[in-house]
Protein backbone atom coordinates (compact mmCIF):
# COMPACT_ATOMS: atom_id res chain seq x y z
CA MET A 1 -49.33 -11.07 21.25
CA LYS A 2 -49.16 -13.85 22.84
CA ALA A 3 -45.81 -14.80 23.28
CA LEU A 4 -43.70 -18.11 25.20
CA ALA A 5 -40.66 -17.03 27.22
CA CYS A 6 -37.39 -19.05 26.14
CA THR A 7 -34.09 -18.67 28.99
CA LEU A 8 -32.42 -20.83 26.82
CA ASP A 9 -30.88 -22.59 30.17
CA THR A 10 -29.73 -19.32 32.04
CA TRP A 11 -31.42 -19.52 34.74
CA GLU A 12 -30.92 -23.01 34.91
CA SER A 13 -27.41 -22.62 35.38
CA TYR A 14 -28.07 -20.51 37.88
CA GLN A 15 -30.13 -22.85 39.73
CA ARG A 16 -27.22 -25.48 39.31
CA VAL A 17 -24.53 -23.37 40.58
CA THR A 18 -26.10 -21.12 43.60
CA GLY A 19 -28.95 -24.34 44.86
CA ARG A 20 -31.32 -21.34 43.81
CA SER A 21 -34.74 -22.24 42.41
CA GLU A 22 -37.34 -20.12 44.12
CA THR A 23 -37.58 -17.48 40.29
CA GLU A 24 -39.16 -20.77 38.83
CA GLY A 25 -37.16 -20.60 35.74
CA LEU A 26 -37.26 -16.76 35.11
CA THR A 27 -34.86 -13.75 34.81
CA PHE A 28 -35.39 -10.47 35.12
CA PRO A 29 -34.98 -9.01 32.07
CA LEU A 30 -37.57 -11.13 30.61
CA ARG A 31 -39.66 -9.98 33.60
CA ILE A 32 -39.15 -6.11 32.64
CA ILE A 33 -40.40 -7.31 28.68
CA ASP A 34 -43.27 -8.25 30.23
CA ILE A 35 -43.99 -4.96 31.91
CA ILE A 36 -42.85 -3.16 29.28
CA GLY A 37 -45.65 -4.94 27.05
CA GLU A 38 -48.37 -5.88 29.17
CA PRO A 39 -50.26 -2.49 27.70
CA TYR A 40 -49.57 -2.79 24.29
CA GLY A 41 -51.31 -6.67 24.09
CA LEU A 42 -48.68 -8.81 25.44
CA GLU A 43 -49.30 -11.65 27.04
CA LEU A 44 -45.66 -13.38 27.95
CA ASP A 45 -46.32 -16.99 29.01
CA PHE A 46 -43.28 -18.56 31.08
CA GLY A 47 -44.53 -22.62 30.40
CA LYS A 48 -42.05 -24.81 28.25
CA ARG A 49 -44.36 -25.69 25.47
CA LEU A 50 -45.49 -23.76 22.31
CA ASP A 51 -49.32 -23.47 22.52
CA GLY A 52 -50.71 -20.41 19.88
CA HIS A 53 -48.44 -18.69 20.72
CA HIS A 54 -47.41 -15.71 17.98
CA ALA A 55 -44.03 -15.41 18.94
CA VAL A 56 -40.78 -17.14 20.60
CA PHE A 57 -39.00 -14.78 22.86
CA LEU A 58 -35.28 -15.07 23.32
CA ALA A 59 -33.46 -13.97 26.39
CA VAL A 60 -29.99 -14.28 25.44
CA HIS A 61 -28.38 -13.58 28.89
CA ASP A 62 -24.61 -13.57 27.68
CA PHE A 63 -22.92 -15.13 24.46
CA SER A 64 -22.78 -18.54 25.90
CA SER A 65 -26.02 -18.95 26.23
CA MET A 66 -26.29 -18.73 22.38
CA LEU A 67 -24.74 -22.27 22.52
CA SER A 68 -27.81 -23.47 24.05
CA ILE A 69 -30.59 -22.69 21.29
CA GLY A 70 -30.73 -25.56 19.23
CA LYS A 71 -30.93 -27.92 22.42
CA SER A 72 -33.75 -25.29 23.44
CA PHE A 73 -35.57 -25.58 20.18
CA ARG A 74 -35.92 -29.23 19.75
CA LYS A 75 -37.35 -29.13 23.02
CA LEU A 76 -39.70 -26.70 21.65
CA LYS A 77 -40.45 -28.68 18.41
CA LEU A 78 -39.24 -25.87 16.70
CA PRO A 79 -36.57 -25.71 13.09
CA LEU A 80 -33.78 -24.08 13.75
CA LEU A 81 -33.47 -21.79 10.61
CA ARG A 82 -36.23 -19.09 9.94
CA ALA A 83 -35.69 -20.69 6.10
CA ASP A 84 -37.16 -23.92 7.61
CA ARG A 85 -39.78 -22.11 9.14
CA GLY A 86 -43.33 -21.22 7.89
CA ALA A 87 -46.31 -19.41 8.70
CA GLY A 88 -47.54 -21.52 11.00
CA HIS A 89 -44.71 -21.09 12.91
CA PRO A 90 -44.09 -18.47 15.76
CA LEU A 91 -42.12 -15.49 15.37
CA VAL A 92 -38.65 -15.58 16.80
CA TRP A 93 -37.90 -11.98 18.41
CA ALA A 94 -34.27 -11.91 20.84
CA GLY A 95 -33.07 -10.10 22.93
CA GLY A 96 -30.10 -9.03 25.59
CA GLN A 97 -26.44 -8.69 26.81
CA GLY A 98 -25.62 -11.58 24.27
CA THR A 99 -26.81 -9.98 20.98
CA ARG A 100 -24.37 -7.51 21.03
CA ASN A 101 -23.01 -9.43 17.81
CA PRO A 102 -26.47 -10.46 16.49
CA LEU A 103 -24.83 -12.36 13.77
CA PRO A 104 -24.64 -15.46 14.74
CA ILE A 105 -28.32 -16.08 15.13
CA ALA A 106 -29.49 -13.92 12.15
CA GLU A 107 -30.48 -17.14 10.44
CA ILE A 108 -32.30 -18.47 13.53
CA VAL A 109 -34.45 -15.43 14.78
CA ASP A 110 -36.40 -13.20 13.11
CA LEU A 111 -35.63 -10.22 14.67
CA VAL A 112 -33.14 -8.72 17.32
CA VAL A 113 -33.86 -5.74 20.28
CA LEU A 114 -31.13 -4.32 20.45
CA GLY A 115 -30.11 -2.57 23.63
CA ASP A 116 -32.84 -1.62 26.20
CA ALA A 117 -36.26 -2.42 25.20
CA GLU A 118 -38.38 0.80 26.63
CA ASP A 119 -38.52 2.96 23.81
CA SER A 120 -38.43 -0.43 20.80
CA LEU A 121 -40.54 -2.88 21.85
CA PRO A 122 -43.95 -1.03 22.42
CA VAL A 123 -44.03 0.57 18.82
CA LEU A 124 -42.63 -2.92 17.56
CA LEU A 125 -46.18 -4.73 19.20
CA ASN A 126 -48.18 -1.64 17.96
CA LEU A 127 -46.76 -2.55 14.98
CA TRP A 128 -47.74 -6.19 15.41
CA GLU A 129 -51.47 -5.26 15.54
CA ARG A 130 -51.49 -3.94 12.71
CA HIS A 131 -49.40 -6.24 10.58
CA GLY A 132 -49.48 -10.03 13.11
CA ASN A 133 -46.67 -12.72 11.67
CA SER A 134 -46.09 -11.04 8.23
CA GLN A 135 -43.50 -10.11 6.34
CA ALA A 136 -45.05 -6.67 6.38
CA PHE A 137 -44.29 -6.59 9.97
CA LEU A 138 -40.76 -7.42 9.63
CA ALA A 139 -40.37 -5.08 6.92
CA VAL A 140 -42.17 -2.20 9.09
CA ALA A 141 -40.35 -3.45 12.14
CA ALA A 142 -37.02 -2.88 10.68
CA THR A 143 -37.37 1.01 10.17
CA VAL A 144 -37.58 0.82 14.37
CA PRO A 145 -34.49 2.40 15.62
CA GLY A 146 -33.00 -0.13 18.00
CA VAL A 147 -33.51 -3.02 16.21
CA PHE A 148 -31.78 -5.64 13.22
CA VAL A 149 -34.33 -7.38 11.38
CA PRO A 150 -31.89 -10.29 9.34
CA SER A 151 -34.22 -10.74 6.38
CA VAL A 152 -33.85 -7.18 5.50
CA HIS A 153 -31.23 -5.52 7.02
CA ASN A 154 -27.71 -5.88 5.25
CA GLU A 155 -25.30 -5.42 7.98
CA ALA A 156 -22.90 -4.80 5.23
CA GLU A 157 -24.58 -1.38 3.94
CA VAL A 158 -26.63 -0.27 7.32
CA THR A 159 -25.28 1.13 10.18
CA LEU A 160 -27.97 0.61 13.23
CA ARG A 161 -27.62 1.89 16.77
CA MET A 162 -28.46 0.41 20.30
CA GLY A 163 -31.17 1.17 21.91
CA TRP A 164 -30.62 2.85 25.38
CA SER A 165 -34.27 4.51 27.72
CA SER A 166 -34.00 6.97 30.01
CA ASN A 167 -36.38 5.69 31.41
CA ILE A 168 -36.07 2.61 33.74
CA LYS A 169 -39.21 2.49 35.88
CA ALA A 170 -40.53 -0.53 34.12
CA SER A 171 -39.56 -2.62 37.32
CA LEU A 172 -40.73 -0.26 39.82
CA LYS A 173 -44.81 -0.40 38.87
CA ARG A 174 -45.78 -3.69 40.02
CA HIS A 175 -43.56 -5.97 42.57
CA ILE A 176 -41.82 -8.45 40.32
CA ALA A 177 -42.19 -11.21 42.83
CA ILE A 178 -39.79 -14.27 43.88
CA THR A 179 -42.56 -15.24 46.47
CA GLY A 180 -45.61 -13.70 48.24
CA GLU A 181 -43.85 -11.47 50.67
CA HIS A 182 -40.51 -10.85 48.83
CA ALA A 183 -39.40 -8.32 45.50
CA ARG A 184 -36.63 -7.67 42.91
CA ILE A 185 -36.62 -3.90 41.53
CA GLU A 186 -33.97 -2.00 39.25
CA ILE A 187 -32.53 0.13 41.23
CA SER A 188 -29.87 1.14 38.56
CA ARG A 189 -28.67 -0.02 34.83
CA GLY A 190 -25.06 0.51 33.54
CA CYS A 191 -22.32 0.92 35.68
CA LYS A 192 -20.40 4.19 36.21
CA SER A 193 -16.71 2.41 36.04
CA LYS A 194 -14.70 1.21 33.22
CA CYS A 195 -13.67 -2.28 34.10
CA THR A 196 -12.14 -3.38 30.84
CA PHE A 197 -13.49 -6.69 30.64
CA CYS A 198 -17.39 -5.66 31.68
CA GLY A 199 -20.07 -4.69 28.94
CA LEU A 200 -22.00 -3.24 32.04
CA GLY A 201 -19.57 -0.28 32.06
CA TRP A 202 -19.86 0.20 27.95
CA MET A 203 -23.29 -1.07 26.76
CA GLY A 204 -25.31 2.37 27.77
CA PRO A 205 -24.65 5.53 29.99
CA VAL A 206 -25.85 4.72 33.99
CA ARG A 207 -29.14 5.33 34.77
CA HIS A 208 -30.83 5.09 38.66
CA ASN A 209 -34.12 5.32 39.49
CA SER A 210 -34.86 7.46 42.67
CA ALA A 211 -35.13 6.82 46.16
CA VAL A 212 -38.60 8.07 46.32
CA ASP A 213 -40.22 6.12 43.51
CA ILE A 214 -37.83 2.74 44.50
CA LEU A 215 -39.17 2.92 48.50
CA GLU A 216 -43.10 3.52 46.92
CA ALA A 217 -42.20 0.71 44.95
CA VAL A 218 -40.84 -1.84 47.48
CA ASN A 219 -43.74 -0.68 50.17
CA GLY A 220 -45.28 -3.77 51.97
CA ALA A 221 -42.32 -6.52 50.69
CA GLY A 222 -40.88 -8.15 53.23
CA ALA A 223 -37.53 -8.68 51.87
CA VAL A 224 -36.46 -6.83 49.01
CA HIS A 225 -33.61 -7.61 45.78
CA LEU A 226 -32.21 -4.52 44.58
CA GLN A 227 -31.10 -5.33 41.22
CA ALA A 228 -28.02 -3.27 39.66
CA GLY A 229 -24.74 -3.81 37.90
CA ASP A 230 -23.28 -2.12 41.13
CA ALA A 231 -25.99 -1.51 43.39
CA GLU A 232 -23.09 0.40 45.91
CA ALA A 233 -22.89 3.18 43.59
CA HIS A 234 -26.57 4.67 43.41
CA PRO A 235 -26.42 7.97 44.89
CA GLU A 236 -28.53 7.65 47.43
CA ILE A 237 -28.18 3.77 48.57
CA VAL A 238 -27.77 4.43 51.81
CA ARG A 239 -30.94 6.51 52.20
CA ILE A 240 -32.77 3.27 50.60
CA ARG A 241 -31.20 0.85 52.83
CA ASP A 242 -31.90 2.79 56.30
CA ALA A 243 -35.86 3.79 54.87
CA MET A 244 -36.06 -0.43 54.29
CA ARG A 245 -34.37 -1.07 57.71
CA SER A 246 -36.38 0.86 59.47
CA ALA A 247 -38.98 -0.39 58.13
CA GLY A 248 -37.90 -4.12 58.73
CA GLN A 249 -37.42 -4.73 55.20
CA MET A 250 -34.23 -7.13 53.76
CA ASP A 251 -32.50 -6.58 51.42
CA ILE A 252 -31.20 -10.16 49.31
CA GLY A 253 -29.58 -8.87 46.98
CA CYS A 254 -26.17 -9.20 45.01
CA THR A 255 -23.34 -6.52 45.79
CA SER A 256 -20.61 -7.47 43.43
CA ARG A 257 -18.07 -4.36 43.89
CA LEU A 258 -15.76 -4.34 47.22
CA ASP A 259 -15.02 -0.78 46.14
CA SER A 260 -17.27 0.51 46.24
CA PHE A 261 -19.03 -1.97 49.04
CA ALA A 262 -16.14 -0.33 51.31
CA GLU A 263 -17.98 2.95 51.55
CA THR A 264 -21.67 1.86 52.08
CA LEU A 265 -20.66 -0.64 54.49
CA SER A 266 -23.40 -0.43 57.13
CA GLY A 267 -25.12 -2.39 60.05
CA PHE A 268 -27.61 -3.38 57.16
CA LEU A 269 -26.80 -7.15 56.15
CA TYR A 270 -28.96 -9.76 56.22
CA ASP A 271 -29.12 -12.56 53.93
CA LYS A 272 -27.83 -11.39 50.84
CA ARG A 273 -25.61 -12.83 48.61
CA PHE A 274 -21.63 -11.33 48.52
CA ASN A 275 -20.79 -12.26 45.03
CA PHE A 276 -17.58 -9.42 45.09
CA GLY A 277 -15.55 -9.26 41.53
CA ILE A 278 -11.84 -8.97 42.57
CA GLU A 279 -11.08 -10.93 39.08
CA ALA A 280 -7.52 -10.26 38.99
CA ALA A 281 -4.97 -12.21 41.66
CA SER A 282 -2.60 -8.75 41.90
CA GLU A 283 -3.47 -5.21 42.40
CA ARG A 284 -0.71 -4.82 39.94
CA VAL A 285 -3.21 -6.03 37.02
CA ARG A 286 -6.01 -4.42 39.02
CA ARG A 287 -5.01 -1.20 38.14
CA ARG A 288 -4.65 -2.36 34.55
CA ILE A 289 -8.36 -3.49 33.93
CA GLY A 290 -9.29 -0.42 35.38
CA LYS A 291 -9.96 -1.13 39.30
CA PRO A 292 -7.39 0.59 40.78
CA GLN A 293 -9.01 1.28 44.22
CA LEU A 294 -9.09 -2.22 44.88
CA THR A 295 -5.85 -2.51 46.71
CA ASN A 296 -4.78 -5.90 49.27
CA GLN A 297 -5.43 -3.45 52.32
CA VAL A 298 -9.07 -2.11 50.95
CA ILE A 299 -9.62 -6.49 50.79
CA ILE A 300 -8.31 -7.21 53.91
CA ASP A 301 -10.08 -4.55 55.53
CA THR A 302 -13.62 -4.80 53.87
CA MET A 303 -13.69 -8.49 54.16
CA CYS A 304 -12.95 -8.08 57.76
CA ARG A 305 -15.51 -5.53 58.87
CA LEU A 306 -17.67 -7.65 56.70
CA TYR A 307 -17.55 -10.50 58.87
CA GLU A 308 -17.52 -8.42 61.64
CA THR A 309 -20.68 -7.00 61.06
CA GLN A 310 -22.51 -10.02 59.95
CA HIS A 311 -21.24 -12.07 63.18
CA SER A 312 -22.77 -9.32 65.67
CA ASN A 313 -25.84 -9.35 63.81
CA ARG A 314 -26.12 -13.19 63.79
CA TYR A 315 -25.55 -13.80 60.06
CA TYR A 316 -22.24 -16.09 58.57
CA SER A 317 -20.70 -15.06 55.51
CA GLU A 318 -21.06 -18.50 53.98
CA GLN A 319 -22.12 -16.62 50.95
CA THR A 320 -19.23 -14.49 50.42
CA ASP A 321 -17.71 -15.11 46.97
CA TRP A 322 -15.35 -14.03 45.38
CA HIS A 323 -15.04 -13.91 41.32
CA MET A 324 -11.45 -14.29 39.81
CA ILE A 325 -10.45 -13.96 35.89
CA ALA A 326 -7.87 -16.17 34.68
CA GLY A 327 -5.75 -15.25 31.85
CA LEU A 328 -5.84 -11.75 32.36
CA PRO A 329 -3.22 -9.33 30.71
CA GLY A 330 0.13 -8.96 32.42
CA GLU A 331 -1.10 -11.46 34.64
CA GLY A 332 0.41 -14.50 35.30
CA ILE A 333 -0.47 -17.76 37.49
CA ASP A 334 2.31 -16.99 39.80
CA ASP A 335 0.34 -13.88 40.88
CA CYS A 336 -1.43 -16.50 42.99
CA ARG A 337 1.44 -16.00 45.54
CA GLU A 338 -0.06 -12.56 46.05
CA LEU A 339 -3.71 -13.69 46.30
CA ALA A 340 -2.92 -16.47 48.30
CA GLU A 341 -1.22 -13.79 51.00
CA THR A 342 -4.36 -10.91 50.96
CA ILE A 343 -6.63 -14.28 51.81
CA ASN A 344 -3.73 -14.91 54.49
CA ALA A 345 -3.65 -11.74 56.31
CA ILE A 346 -7.45 -11.67 56.17
CA ASP A 347 -7.47 -15.52 58.05
CA ASP A 348 -4.55 -13.14 60.49
CA LYS A 349 -6.88 -10.08 61.19
CA LEU A 350 -10.33 -12.12 62.00
CA MET A 351 -8.29 -14.14 64.14
CA SER A 352 -5.90 -11.70 66.05
CA GLU A 353 -8.12 -8.82 66.19
CA SER A 354 -11.58 -9.65 65.03
CA ARG A 355 -12.12 -12.90 67.05
CA VAL A 356 -14.50 -13.62 64.34
CA ALA A 357 -15.18 -16.81 61.60
CA GLY A 358 -15.58 -16.41 57.91
CA SER A 359 -16.65 -18.51 54.92
CA LEU A 360 -15.48 -17.95 51.22
CA THR A 361 -15.89 -19.24 48.07
CA VAL A 362 -13.32 -18.25 45.25
CA ARG A 363 -14.72 -18.93 41.64
CA TRP A 364 -12.90 -18.78 38.65
CA GLN A 365 -13.74 -18.26 35.18
CA PRO A 366 -11.10 -17.94 32.02
CA LEU A 367 -11.48 -14.05 30.62
CA PHE A 368 -13.87 -14.09 28.04
CA PRO A 369 -12.92 -11.76 25.55
CA HIS A 370 -16.16 -9.77 25.33
CA PRO A 371 -17.46 -7.83 22.48
CA GLY A 372 -18.15 -4.29 23.09
CA THR A 373 -15.61 -3.88 25.37
CA PRO A 374 -11.45 -3.36 25.28
CA THR A 375 -11.48 -6.79 25.84
CA GLN A 376 -12.06 -7.53 22.58
CA TRP A 377 -9.34 -8.16 20.90
CA LEU A 378 -7.64 -10.39 23.80
CA PRO A 379 -7.42 -14.28 23.19
CA ALA A 380 -9.50 -16.01 25.12
CA ALA A 381 -8.10 -18.12 28.04
CA VAL A 382 -7.98 -21.12 29.20
CA GLY A 383 -6.87 -22.97 32.22
CA ALA A 384 -9.33 -21.79 35.48
CA ALA A 385 -8.54 -24.72 37.36
CA GLN A 386 -5.03 -24.62 37.28
CA TRP A 387 -5.22 -20.82 38.66
CA SER A 388 -7.49 -22.50 40.92
CA ARG A 389 -4.78 -25.38 41.87
CA ALA A 390 -1.82 -22.81 41.82
CA LEU A 391 -4.01 -20.57 44.56
CA ARG A 392 -4.60 -23.54 47.24
CA ARG A 393 -1.14 -24.46 46.13
CA ASN A 394 -0.21 -20.98 47.48
CA LEU A 395 -2.25 -20.79 50.32
CA ARG A 396 -1.41 -21.69 53.72
CA ARG A 397 -3.33 -23.29 56.45
CA THR A 398 -6.30 -20.84 57.47
CA TYR A 399 -8.14 -21.34 60.89
CA ALA A 400 -10.76 -18.37 61.34
CA LEU A 401 -11.49 -18.54 57.19
CA GLN A 402 -12.98 -21.33 55.60
CA VAL A 403 -11.91 -21.48 52.16
CA ASN A 404 -13.63 -23.10 49.39
CA HIS A 405 -12.56 -23.32 45.72
CA GLN A 406 -14.86 -23.78 42.63
CA GLU A 407 -14.60 -23.12 38.82
CA GLY A 408 -16.87 -22.12 35.93
CA ARG A 409 -16.79 -22.37 32.71
CA LEU A 410 -14.40 -24.90 31.25
CA ASP A 411 -12.07 -24.96 28.41
CA ARG A 412 -13.80 -25.74 25.18
CA LYS A 413 -16.29 -23.70 26.03
CA ASN A 414 -14.94 -20.87 26.85
CA LEU A 415 -13.31 -21.24 23.27
CA LEU A 416 -16.35 -22.25 21.54
CA THR A 417 -18.21 -19.22 22.96
CA THR A 418 -15.37 -16.91 21.76
CA LEU A 419 -15.72 -18.17 18.49
CA LEU A 420 -19.48 -17.97 18.56
CA ALA A 421 -19.34 -14.08 20.09
CA ARG A 422 -16.87 -12.93 17.06
CA ALA A 423 -18.46 -15.28 14.28
CA GLY A 424 -20.93 -13.32 11.20
CA ARG A 425 -23.75 -15.15 9.50
CA ASN A 426 -22.82 -18.51 10.01
CA GLY A 427 -23.04 -18.62 13.34
CA TRP A 428 -26.00 -21.31 13.40
CA ARG A 429 -23.23 -23.82 11.66
CA LEU A 430 -21.99 -23.91 15.21
CA ILE A 431 -24.77 -23.82 17.03
CA GLU A 432 -26.43 -26.55 14.61
CA ALA A 433 -23.55 -28.37 15.69
CA GLU A 434 -23.27 -27.72 19.15
CA SER A 435 -26.97 -28.90 19.70
CA LYS A 436 -25.85 -32.86 18.65
CA ARG A 437 -22.50 -33.21 19.62
CA ARG A 438 -19.47 -32.18 21.45
CA VAL A 439 -17.85 -30.23 18.85
CA GLU A 440 -14.08 -29.42 19.42
CA PRO A 441 -12.66 -25.79 19.62
CA ALA A 442 -10.69 -26.60 16.05
CA GLU A 443 -13.65 -28.13 14.44
CA ALA A 444 -15.42 -24.79 15.36
CA GLU A 445 -12.27 -22.85 14.00
CA ALA A 446 -13.02 -24.40 10.70
CA LEU A 447 -16.79 -24.25 10.64
CA LEU A 448 -16.49 -20.38 11.14
CA GLY A 449 -13.31 -19.30 9.83
CA THR A 450 -12.72 -17.15 12.92
CA THR A 451 -10.33 -17.59 16.05
CA TRP A 452 -10.09 -17.31 19.73
CA LEU A 453 -6.75 -15.84 19.31
CA SER A 454 -5.80 -12.15 19.89
CA MET A 455 -6.97 -9.78 17.30
CA PRO A 456 -4.72 -7.21 15.82
CA ASP A 457 -5.77 -3.27 16.56
CA ASP A 458 -7.26 -2.55 13.40
CA SER A 459 -9.15 -5.89 13.11
CA VAL A 460 -12.81 -5.17 11.89
CA PHE A 461 -15.16 -7.37 13.76
CA PRO A 462 -18.51 -8.26 12.59
CA TRP A 463 -20.70 -6.51 14.62
CA GLU A 464 -19.46 -3.28 14.28
CA PHE A 465 -22.71 -2.21 11.58
CA VAL A 466 -24.23 -2.18 15.28
CA GLU A 467 -22.72 1.46 16.94
CA GLY A 468 -22.12 0.94 20.81
CA TYR A 469 -23.01 4.22 23.18
CA TYR A 470 -18.60 4.27 23.41
CA PRO A 471 -17.11 4.99 19.92
CA LYS A 472 -14.56 1.79 18.99
CA GLY A 473 -11.30 4.35 19.38
CA LYS A 474 -12.89 4.55 22.97
CA LEU A 475 -12.63 1.19 23.42
CA LEU A 476 -8.78 1.03 21.20
CA THR A 477 -8.29 3.53 23.19
CA ALA A 478 -8.34 1.48 26.53
CA TYR A 479 -7.49 -1.57 25.60
CA GLN A 480 -3.78 0.35 24.66
CA LYS A 481 -3.26 1.75 28.16
CA MET A 482 -4.38 -1.87 28.94
CA MET A 483 -1.93 -3.58 27.70
CA ARG A 484 0.83 -0.83 27.68
CA PRO A 485 4.18 -2.97 29.68
């Protein structure tokens, strides 16, 4: 099979935010798909146009990327709706974290791989070799565990289960090169933490590749991106980094949990991207959302240790970011005072004790109620820019610490994304409309018949025909605990 990889502007958006362009439009999940499928005849093309391809593979990184499907298909000169495509068109396959609710794209795609692809993709490719692009192929594909075929399955009558693979060694089979000397490999999948807002901890079990396999895979690479939801939580991360350091290798991967990072901090700091998920402005709300260890004092002490270590190794902190979420339950904009006090305490400690400089970028995003997590009942948030301004108002002048402020997803897009994530098979209406003009949230509500506001505890969500790793009852218990006064 010859398939065209479509990233739905995900990587282009990342490039615009970070300025990085080394991966030339490829996303890591698609690279793993390429490796999984290669022994079964998959030729994954990362080009920009259709040319005799049998399939288009959509990497739906998150629900917001669904909004760009219409524009992406127009560039490919491919009809948006499945009903408007004929025998001469490629089949459209989709997968990724954004398909936790696959119904919004059910009238667009031919099949969806739910969850991991390690087990289902080889079966699908073998079936395709036998049947080609035909109704017979879709009929048998619908029998593969972890696969949703919209033209065959009726979500009111079936229960499907997301796929999870115990073997995540696909990215270790060969270097996924960024440049000639760089490698990117997956060391862990999933997350042991159950932060209420994040899909990584709720979409599947935690799995780790062994240190032996990891070190064998990166042998000879000068720089390595250790891919994981929480790299610091790998049980052998210290051993892995010590071995890499002894071999003169650099770790250039992201690090996302400051509380885990505090436990494994060493002198092994190079050109890493430190993008820490602080999320809540206050200790009180961090406890509420599943980060009780991330106290203000831990933040202060660990950030100062990071700046000190970087300074001693002659590496600097211009790539140190904090990810903040505006609109978490139980938190108000006045809590930015506490966050400002924490930042000022870092500045004071750097001046009085460490005598080193640091740089910090604080990035705000509005809360998105992600399907399949305890936040799925919450309303979408607006006003991330106001939270950013509130932090700036409460932050006194800093001397050792340079603080930069950024806002991410705008209110309109966050509301549209929430509405689309909660939609049924009519989701294509919003995708089509947004590809042609600017759609306002009120119009999107009318198009989809859903809401971005909070949902009752007894709500039945469109995606419930797809069983997640954790049952709805467990999510509801976590939600109710989060919402306690």
